Amino acid sequence: MYISVDSYYDMYLKDKSLDVVNSEVQKLRSEIERLKRKMESPAYAYESDVSVSGLEVVGIYRGYLKAALAELAKKQGVSSVLTEEEKRAMIIDSMLPDMTVLTLTVGCYLQYKYRLSVTESTATVTSSVLGGEAHTREVDRDKILSELSELHLGEWRDVYSPEQYGCTLSDPEKWQLRIEYNNGSAPYFSDGVGIYPYNFDELCRILEVDVI
């Protein structure tokens, strides 16, 4: 059973010392990272009988962390206590409304491509396989951008590899993610070989990827 953010604040942050709040921040950061790594590991097995999924738990802890970071900044008398990694992730997430193209390429030979194109009023997804015909469908622009915002793509690492988990994989699938913007910012990249971000399946669901 997980408590609400308000209840978490009252129980663990309200009227607590600077050291206690700082300890909560560090604990939550570590736990979120642990959960992500667990779900990304090739050894991870999904448990079908749990009442709350790993994705949901990360989301719950993210809410707790946001409250703890705000309380820590307040006690320190500063505007932000984010790490450089957290600042980078926040900037990338904040640029989602400026996205023009998101391209996900997957497969042993990166032969499958899913391209989301966004304008001020429309959005389309084009799927294609190397050497084959492309198929384009219109999607609800506001809905797909809202769903993408829930993924916090800015938190994804630049590279995902088996070596990060001390293993090797035979004939692993490859994937590449590229996001382009209309605000002059450089494209955003993330890729991997056989290892996927903890919520990669959600991106596949949004784009209707059916080859992973």
C-alpha atoms as a PDB file:
ATOM      1  CA  MET A   1       0.000   0.000   0.000  1.00  0.00           C
ATOM      2  CA  TYR A   2       1.385   3.374  -1.015  1.00  0.00           C
ATOM      3  CA  ILE A   3       0.341   6.670   0.530  1.00  0.00           C
ATOM      4  CA  SER A   4      -0.514   9.913  -1.248  1.00  0.00           C
ATOM      5  CA  VAL A   5       2.060  12.645  -1.763  1.00  0.00           C
ATOM      6  CA  ASP A   6       0.278  14.813   0.816  1.00  0.00           C
ATOM      7  CA  SER A   7       0.390  12.007   3.383  1.00  0.00           C
ATOM      8  CA  TYR A   8       4.048  11.368   2.561  1.00  0.00           C
ATOM      9  CA  TYR A   9       4.811  15.035   3.148  1.00  0.00           C
ATOM     10  CA  ASP A  10       3.027  15.079   6.506  1.00  0.00           C
ATOM     11  CA  MET A  11       4.722  11.886   7.692  1.00  0.00           C
ATOM     12  CA  TYR A  12       8.279  12.279   6.417  1.00  0.00           C
ATOM     13  CA  LEU A  13       8.951  15.940   5.582  1.00  0.00           C
ATOM     14  CA  LYS A  14       6.758  18.299   7.585  1.00  0.00           C
ATOM     15  CA  ASP A  15       8.615  19.956  10.474  1.00  0.00           C
ATOM     16  CA  LYS A  16      11.619  17.683   9.899  1.00  0.00           C
ATOM     17  CA  SER A  17      15.231  18.846  10.133  1.00  0.00           C
ATOM     18  CA  LEU A  18      17.392  19.658   7.133  1.00  0.00           C
ATOM     19  CA  ASP A  19      19.375  16.450   7.636  1.00  0.00           C
ATOM     20  CA  VAL A  20      16.234  14.312   7.725  1.00  0.00           C
ATOM     21  CA  VAL A  21      14.829  15.890   4.548  1.00  0.00           C
ATOM     22  CA  ASN A  22      18.165  15.545   2.786  1.00  0.00           C
ATOM     23  CA  SER A  23      18.275  11.877   3.820  1.00  0.00           C
ATOM     24  CA  GLU A  24      14.801  11.370   2.322  1.00  0.00           C
ATOM     25  CA  VAL A  25      15.926  12.925  -0.969  1.00  0.00           C
ATOM     26  CA  GLN A  26      18.955  10.663  -1.208  1.00  0.00           C
ATOM     27  CA  LYS A  27      16.916   7.594  -0.260  1.00  0.00           C
ATOM     28  CA  LEU A  28      14.282   8.295  -2.901  1.00  0.00           C
ATOM     29  CA  ARG A  29      16.856   8.985  -5.596  1.00  0.00           C
ATOM     30  CA  SER A  30      18.562   5.682  -4.835  1.00  0.00           C
ATOM     31  CA  GLU A  31      15.314   3.722  -4.732  1.00  0.00           C
ATOM     32  CA  ILE A  32      14.071   5.117  -8.048  1.00  0.00           C
ATOM     33  CA  GLU A  33      17.383   4.266  -9.686  1.00  0.00           C
ATOM     34  CA  ARG A  34      17.322   0.780  -8.152  1.00  0.00           C
ATOM     35  CA  LEU A  35      13.831   0.119  -9.483  1.00  0.00           C
ATOM     36  CA  LYS A  36      14.717   1.322 -12.965  1.00  0.00           C
ATOM     37  CA  ARG A  37      17.860  -0.808 -13.107  1.00  0.00           C
ATOM     38  CA  LYS A  38      15.923  -3.821 -11.850  1.00  0.00           C
ATOM     39  CA  MET A  39      13.318  -3.483 -14.623  1.00  0.00           C
ATOM     40  CA  GLU A  40      15.977  -2.882 -17.270  1.00  0.00           C
ATOM     41  CA  SER A  41      18.064  -5.912 -16.329  1.00  0.00           C
ATOM     42  CA  PRO A  42      17.857  -8.967 -18.623  1.00  0.00           C
ATOM     43  CA  ALA A  43      17.398 -11.015 -15.455  1.00  0.00           C
ATOM     44  CA  TYR A  44      14.246  -9.140 -14.469  1.00  0.00           C
ATOM     45  CA  ALA A  45      11.054 -11.214 -14.526  1.00  0.00           C
ATOM     46  CA  TYR A  46       7.692  -9.512 -14.471  1.00  0.00           C
ATOM     47  CA  GLU A  47       5.488 -10.559 -11.567  1.00  0.00           C
ATOM     48  CA  SER A  48       1.917 -10.909 -12.760  1.00  0.00           C
ATOM     49  CA  ASP A  49       0.389 -11.200  -9.289  1.00  0.00           C
ATOM     50  CA  VAL A  50       1.578  -7.893  -7.843  1.00  0.00           C
ATOM     51  CA  SER A  51      -1.050  -5.209  -7.217  1.00  0.00           C
ATOM     52  CA  VAL A  52       1.204  -2.303  -8.235  1.00  0.00           C
ATOM     53  CA  SER A  53       3.546  -2.516 -11.229  1.00  0.00           C
ATOM     54  CA  GLY A  54       7.144  -1.343 -11.227  1.00  0.00           C
ATOM     55  CA  LEU A  55       6.170   1.525 -13.530  1.00  0.00           C
ATOM     56  CA  GLU A  56       3.516   2.666 -11.079  1.00  0.00           C
ATOM     57  CA  VAL A  57       5.931   2.478  -8.150  1.00  0.00           C
ATOM     58  CA  VAL A  58       8.490   4.623  -9.976  1.00  0.00           C
ATOM     59  CA  GLY A  59       5.727   7.142 -10.656  1.00  0.00           C
ATOM     60  CA  ILE A  60       4.680   7.152  -6.982  1.00  0.00           C
ATOM     61  CA  TYR A  61       8.264   7.625  -5.793  1.00  0.00           C
ATOM     62  CA  ARG A  62       8.778  10.368  -8.373  1.00  0.00           C
ATOM     63  CA  GLY A  63       5.918  12.252  -6.738  1.00  0.00           C
ATOM     64  CA  TYR A  64       7.486  11.785  -3.311  1.00  0.00           C
ATOM     65  CA  LEU A  65      10.860  12.969  -4.618  1.00  0.00           C
ATOM     66  CA  LYS A  66       9.357  16.102  -6.133  1.00  0.00           C
ATOM     67  CA  ALA A  67       7.881  17.001  -2.752  1.00  0.00           C
ATOM     68  CA  ALA A  68      11.144  16.200  -0.938  1.00  0.00           C
ATOM     69  CA  LEU A  69      13.215  18.267  -3.372  1.00  0.00           C
ATOM     70  CA  ALA A  70      10.898  21.244  -2.924  1.00  0.00           C
ATOM     71  CA  GLU A  71      11.141  20.957   0.876  1.00  0.00           C
ATOM     72  CA  LEU A  72      14.930  20.618   0.754  1.00  0.00           C
ATOM     73  CA  ALA A  73      15.244  23.709  -1.447  1.00  0.00           C
ATOM     74  CA  LYS A  74      12.980  25.615   0.939  1.00  0.00           C
ATOM     75  CA  LYS A  75      15.061  24.667   3.971  1.00  0.00           C
ATOM     76  CA  GLN A  76      18.304  25.550   2.186  1.00  0.00           C
ATOM     77  CA  GLY A  77      16.906  28.857   0.969  1.00  0.00           C
ATOM     78  CA  VAL A  78      17.662  28.129  -2.699  1.00  0.00           C
ATOM     79  CA  SER A  79      15.527  27.853  -5.813  1.00  0.00           C
ATOM     80  CA  SER A  80      16.700  24.382  -6.815  1.00  0.00           C
ATOM     81  CA  VAL A  81      18.581  21.400  -5.400  1.00  0.00           C
ATOM     82  CA  LEU A  82      18.492  19.334  -8.589  1.00  0.00           C
ATOM     83  CA  THR A  83      21.585  17.453  -9.713  1.00  0.00           C
ATOM     84  CA  GLU A  84      23.037  18.235 -13.135  1.00  0.00           C
ATOM     85  CA  GLU A  85      21.515  14.993 -14.429  1.00  0.00           C
ATOM     86  CA  GLU A  86      18.088  15.961 -13.076  1.00  0.00           C
ATOM     87  CA  LYS A  87      18.378  19.448 -14.593  1.00  0.00           C
ATOM     88  CA  ARG A  88      19.239  17.953 -17.986  1.00  0.00           C
ATOM     89  CA  ALA A  89      16.290  15.569 -17.810  1.00  0.00           C
ATOM     90  CA  MET A  90      13.943  18.415 -16.876  1.00  0.00           C
ATOM     91  CA  ILE A  91      15.150  20.544 -19.792  1.00  0.00           C
ATOM     92  CA  ILE A  92      14.670  17.691 -22.266  1.00  0.00           C
ATOM     93  CA  ASP A  93      11.193  16.947 -20.902  1.00  0.00           C
ATOM     94  CA  SER A  94      10.261  20.644 -21.079  1.00  0.00           C
ATOM     95  CA  MET A  95      11.103  20.734 -24.800  1.00  0.00           C
ATOM     96  CA  LEU A  96       8.474  18.145 -25.702  1.00  0.00           C
ATOM     97  CA  PRO A  97       6.032  20.840 -26.965  1.00  0.00           C
ATOM     98  CA  ASP A  98       8.779  21.950 -29.394  1.00  0.00           C
ATOM     99  CA  MET A  99       9.205  18.464 -30.848  1.00  0.00           C
ATOM    100  CA  THR A 100       8.671  18.116 -34.582  1.00  0.00           C
ATOM    101  CA  VAL A 101       9.804  14.530 -35.186  1.00  0.00           C
ATOM    102  CA  LEU A 102      10.351  11.512 -32.960  1.00  0.00           C
ATOM    103  CA  THR A 103      11.929   8.521 -34.661  1.00  0.00           C
ATOM    104  CA  LEU A 104      12.235   5.074 -33.105  1.00  0.00           C
ATOM    105  CA  THR A 105      14.234   2.510 -35.070  1.00  0.00           C
ATOM    106  CA  VAL A 106      14.382  -1.117 -33.906  1.00  0.00           C
ATOM    107  CA  GLY A 107      15.511  -4.569 -35.025  1.00  0.00           C
ATOM    108  CA  CYS A 108      18.682  -6.631 -35.319  1.00  0.00           C
ATOM    109  CA  TYR A 109      19.511  -4.567 -38.395  1.00  0.00           C
ATOM    110  CA  LEU A 110      17.527  -1.485 -37.342  1.00  0.00           C
ATOM    111  CA  GLN A 111      15.172  -2.348 -40.165  1.00  0.00           C
ATOM    112  CA  TYR A 112      11.922  -1.180 -38.545  1.00  0.00           C
ATOM    113  CA  LYS A 113      11.243   2.543 -38.293  1.00  0.00           C
ATOM    114  CA  TYR A 114       8.429   4.415 -36.548  1.00  0.00           C
ATOM    115  CA  ARG A 115       8.310   8.148 -37.161  1.00  0.00           C
ATOM    116  CA  LEU A 116       6.018  10.491 -35.249  1.00  0.00           C
ATOM    117  CA  SER A 117       5.633  13.844 -37.020  1.00  0.00           C
ATOM    118  CA  VAL A 118       4.017  16.716 -35.114  1.00  0.00           C
ATOM    119  CA  THR A 119       2.777  20.116 -36.286  1.00  0.00           C
ATOM    120  CA  GLU A 120       0.889  22.812 -34.388  1.00  0.00           C
ATOM    121  CA  SER A 121      -2.397  21.046 -35.065  1.00  0.00           C
ATOM    122  CA  THR A 122      -1.722  17.503 -36.330  1.00  0.00           C
ATOM    123  CA  ALA A 123       0.271  14.363 -35.618  1.00  0.00           C
ATOM    124  CA  THR A 124       0.963  11.312 -37.757  1.00  0.00           C
ATOM    125  CA  VAL A 125       2.863   8.075 -37.224  1.00  0.00           C
ATOM    126  CA  THR A 126       4.606   6.496 -40.210  1.00  0.00           C
ATOM    127  CA  SER A 127       5.799   2.906 -39.885  1.00  0.00           C
ATOM    128  CA  SER A 128       8.116   1.258 -42.387  1.00  0.00           C
ATOM    129  CA  VAL A 129      10.448  -1.674 -42.824  1.00  0.00           C
ATOM    130  CA  LEU A 130      13.677  -1.446 -44.759  1.00  0.00           C
ATOM    131  CA  GLY A 131      12.905  -2.017 -48.428  1.00  0.00           C
ATOM    132  CA  GLY A 132       9.147  -2.053 -47.852  1.00  0.00           C
ATOM    133  CA  GLU A 133       6.209   0.293 -48.175  1.00  0.00           C
ATOM    134  CA  ALA A 134       5.566   2.958 -45.542  1.00  0.00           C
ATOM    135  CA  HIS A 135       2.189   3.244 -43.819  1.00  0.00           C
ATOM    136  CA  THR A 136       0.981   6.492 -42.250  1.00  0.00           C
ATOM    137  CA  ARG A 137      -1.853   7.017 -39.800  1.00  0.00           C
ATOM    138  CA  GLU A 138      -3.177  10.104 -38.080  1.00  0.00           C
ATOM    139  CA  VAL A 139      -3.174  10.189 -34.286  1.00  0.00           C
ATOM    140  CA  ASP A 140      -4.619  12.495 -31.654  1.00  0.00           C
ATOM    141  CA  ARG A 141      -1.910  15.143 -31.254  1.00  0.00           C
ATOM    142  CA  ASP A 142      -2.742  16.241 -27.714  1.00  0.00           C
ATOM    143  CA  LYS A 143      -3.231  12.690 -26.474  1.00  0.00           C
ATOM    144  CA  ILE A 144       0.043  11.349 -27.845  1.00  0.00           C
ATOM    145  CA  LEU A 145       2.033  14.321 -26.521  1.00  0.00           C
ATOM    146  CA  SER A 146       0.418  13.838 -23.110  1.00  0.00           C
ATOM    147  CA  GLU A 147       1.309  10.141 -23.123  1.00  0.00           C
ATOM    148  CA  LEU A 148       4.890  10.900 -24.163  1.00  0.00           C
ATOM    149  CA  SER A 149       5.240  13.454 -21.368  1.00  0.00           C
ATOM    150  CA  GLU A 150       4.453  10.704 -18.850  1.00  0.00           C
ATOM    151  CA  LEU A 151       7.512   8.741 -20.042  1.00  0.00           C
ATOM    152  CA  HIS A 152      10.029  11.382 -18.873  1.00  0.00           C
ATOM    153  CA  LEU A 153      12.279  10.561 -21.825  1.00  0.00           C
ATOM    154  CA  GLY A 154      14.838  13.040 -20.515  1.00  0.00           C
ATOM    155  CA  GLU A 155      15.652  10.498 -17.797  1.00  0.00           C
ATOM    156  CA  TRP A 156      16.733   7.874 -20.321  1.00  0.00           C
ATOM    157  CA  ARG A 157      20.461   7.239 -20.497  1.00  0.00           C
ATOM    158  CA  ASP A 158      22.377   7.985 -23.686  1.00  0.00           C
ATOM    159  CA  VAL A 159      23.375   4.342 -24.114  1.00  0.00           C
ATOM    160  CA  TYR A 160      21.991   1.012 -22.852  1.00  0.00           C
ATOM    161  CA  SER A 161      24.212  -2.051 -23.180  1.00  0.00           C
ATOM    162  CA  PRO A 162      24.531  -5.585 -21.738  1.00  0.00           C
ATOM    163  CA  GLU A 163      27.939  -4.673 -20.305  1.00  0.00           C
ATOM    164  CA  GLN A 164      26.210  -2.285 -17.901  1.00  0.00           C
ATOM    165  CA  TYR A 165      24.585  -5.362 -16.366  1.00  0.00           C
ATOM    166  CA  GLY A 166      27.602  -7.649 -16.525  1.00  0.00           C
ATOM    167  CA  CYS A 167      26.244  -9.933 -19.223  1.00  0.00           C
ATOM    168  CA  THR A 168      26.395 -10.749 -22.918  1.00  0.00           C
ATOM    169  CA  LEU A 169      23.471 -11.425 -25.255  1.00  0.00           C
ATOM    170  CA  SER A 170      23.359 -13.476 -28.447  1.00  0.00           C
ATOM    171  CA  ASP A 171      21.781 -11.764 -31.475  1.00  0.00           C
ATOM    172  CA  PRO A 172      20.418  -8.827 -29.466  1.00  0.00           C
ATOM    173  CA  GLU A 173      17.875  -6.409 -30.879  1.00  0.00           C
ATOM    174  CA  LYS A 174      19.085  -2.850 -31.431  1.00  0.00           C
ATOM    175  CA  TRP A 175      17.123   0.345 -31.017  1.00  0.00           C
ATOM    176  CA  GLN A 176      17.659   4.057 -31.555  1.00  0.00           C
ATOM    177  CA  LEU A 177      15.574   7.027 -30.459  1.00  0.00           C
ATOM    178  CA  ARG A 178      15.976  10.476 -32.023  1.00  0.00           C
ATOM    179  CA  ILE A 179      13.923  13.578 -31.253  1.00  0.00           C
ATOM    180  CA  GLU A 180      14.098  16.739 -33.355  1.00  0.00           C
ATOM    181  CA  TYR A 181      12.904  20.195 -32.301  1.00  0.00           C
ATOM    182  CA  ASN A 182      11.801  23.446 -33.918  1.00  0.00           C
ATOM    183  CA  ASN A 183      13.492  25.699 -31.336  1.00  0.00           C
ATOM    184  CA  GLY A 184      17.056  25.380 -32.617  1.00  0.00           C
ATOM    185  CA  SER A 185      18.063  22.782 -30.035  1.00  0.00           C
ATOM    186  CA  ALA A 186      20.239  19.867 -31.102  1.00  0.00           C
ATOM    187  CA  PRO A 187      18.413  16.544 -31.580  1.00  0.00           C
ATOM    188  CA  TYR A 188      18.109  14.237 -28.592  1.00  0.00           C
ATOM    189  CA  PHE A 189      19.530  10.710 -28.915  1.00  0.00           C
ATOM    190  CA  SER A 190      19.305   7.501 -26.916  1.00  0.00           C
ATOM    191  CA  ASP A 191      20.094   3.988 -28.103  1.00  0.00           C
ATOM    192  CA  GLY A 192      20.791   0.475 -26.955  1.00  0.00           C
ATOM    193  CA  VAL A 193      21.663  -3.106 -27.803  1.00  0.00           C
ATOM    194  CA  GLY A 194      19.502  -5.747 -26.135  1.00  0.00           C
ATOM    195  CA  ILE A 195      18.841  -3.518 -23.115  1.00  0.00           C
ATOM    196  CA  TYR A 196      15.890  -1.156 -22.901  1.00  0.00           C
ATOM    197  CA  PRO A 197      14.841   1.722 -20.617  1.00  0.00           C
ATOM    198  CA  TYR A 198      12.506   0.610 -17.857  1.00  0.00           C
ATOM    199  CA  ASN A 199       9.433   2.075 -19.616  1.00  0.00           C
ATOM    200  CA  PHE A 200      10.442   1.306 -23.216  1.00  0.00           C
ATOM    201  CA  ASP A 201       7.367  -0.886 -23.656  1.00  0.00           C
ATOM    202  CA  GLU A 202       5.185   2.153 -23.013  1.00  0.00           C
ATOM    203  CA  LEU A 203       6.830   4.035 -25.891  1.00  0.00           C
ATOM    204  CA  CYS A 204       6.236   1.002 -28.091  1.00  0.00           C
ATOM    205  CA  ARG A 205       2.588   0.938 -27.039  1.00  0.00           C
ATOM    206  CA  ILE A 206       2.149   4.616 -27.868  1.00  0.00           C
ATOM    207  CA  LEU A 207       3.699   4.206 -31.320  1.00  0.00           C
ATOM    208  CA  GLU A 208       2.026   0.791 -31.841  1.00  0.00           C
ATOM    209  CA  VAL A 209       5.333  -0.968 -32.331  1.00  0.00           C
ATOM    210  CA  ASP A 210       4.675  -4.675 -32.862  1.00  0.00           C
ATOM    211  CA  VAL A 211       8.112  -6.086 -33.610  1.00  0.00           C
ATOM    212  CA  ILE A 212       9.725  -6.102 -30.145  1.00  0.00           C
END
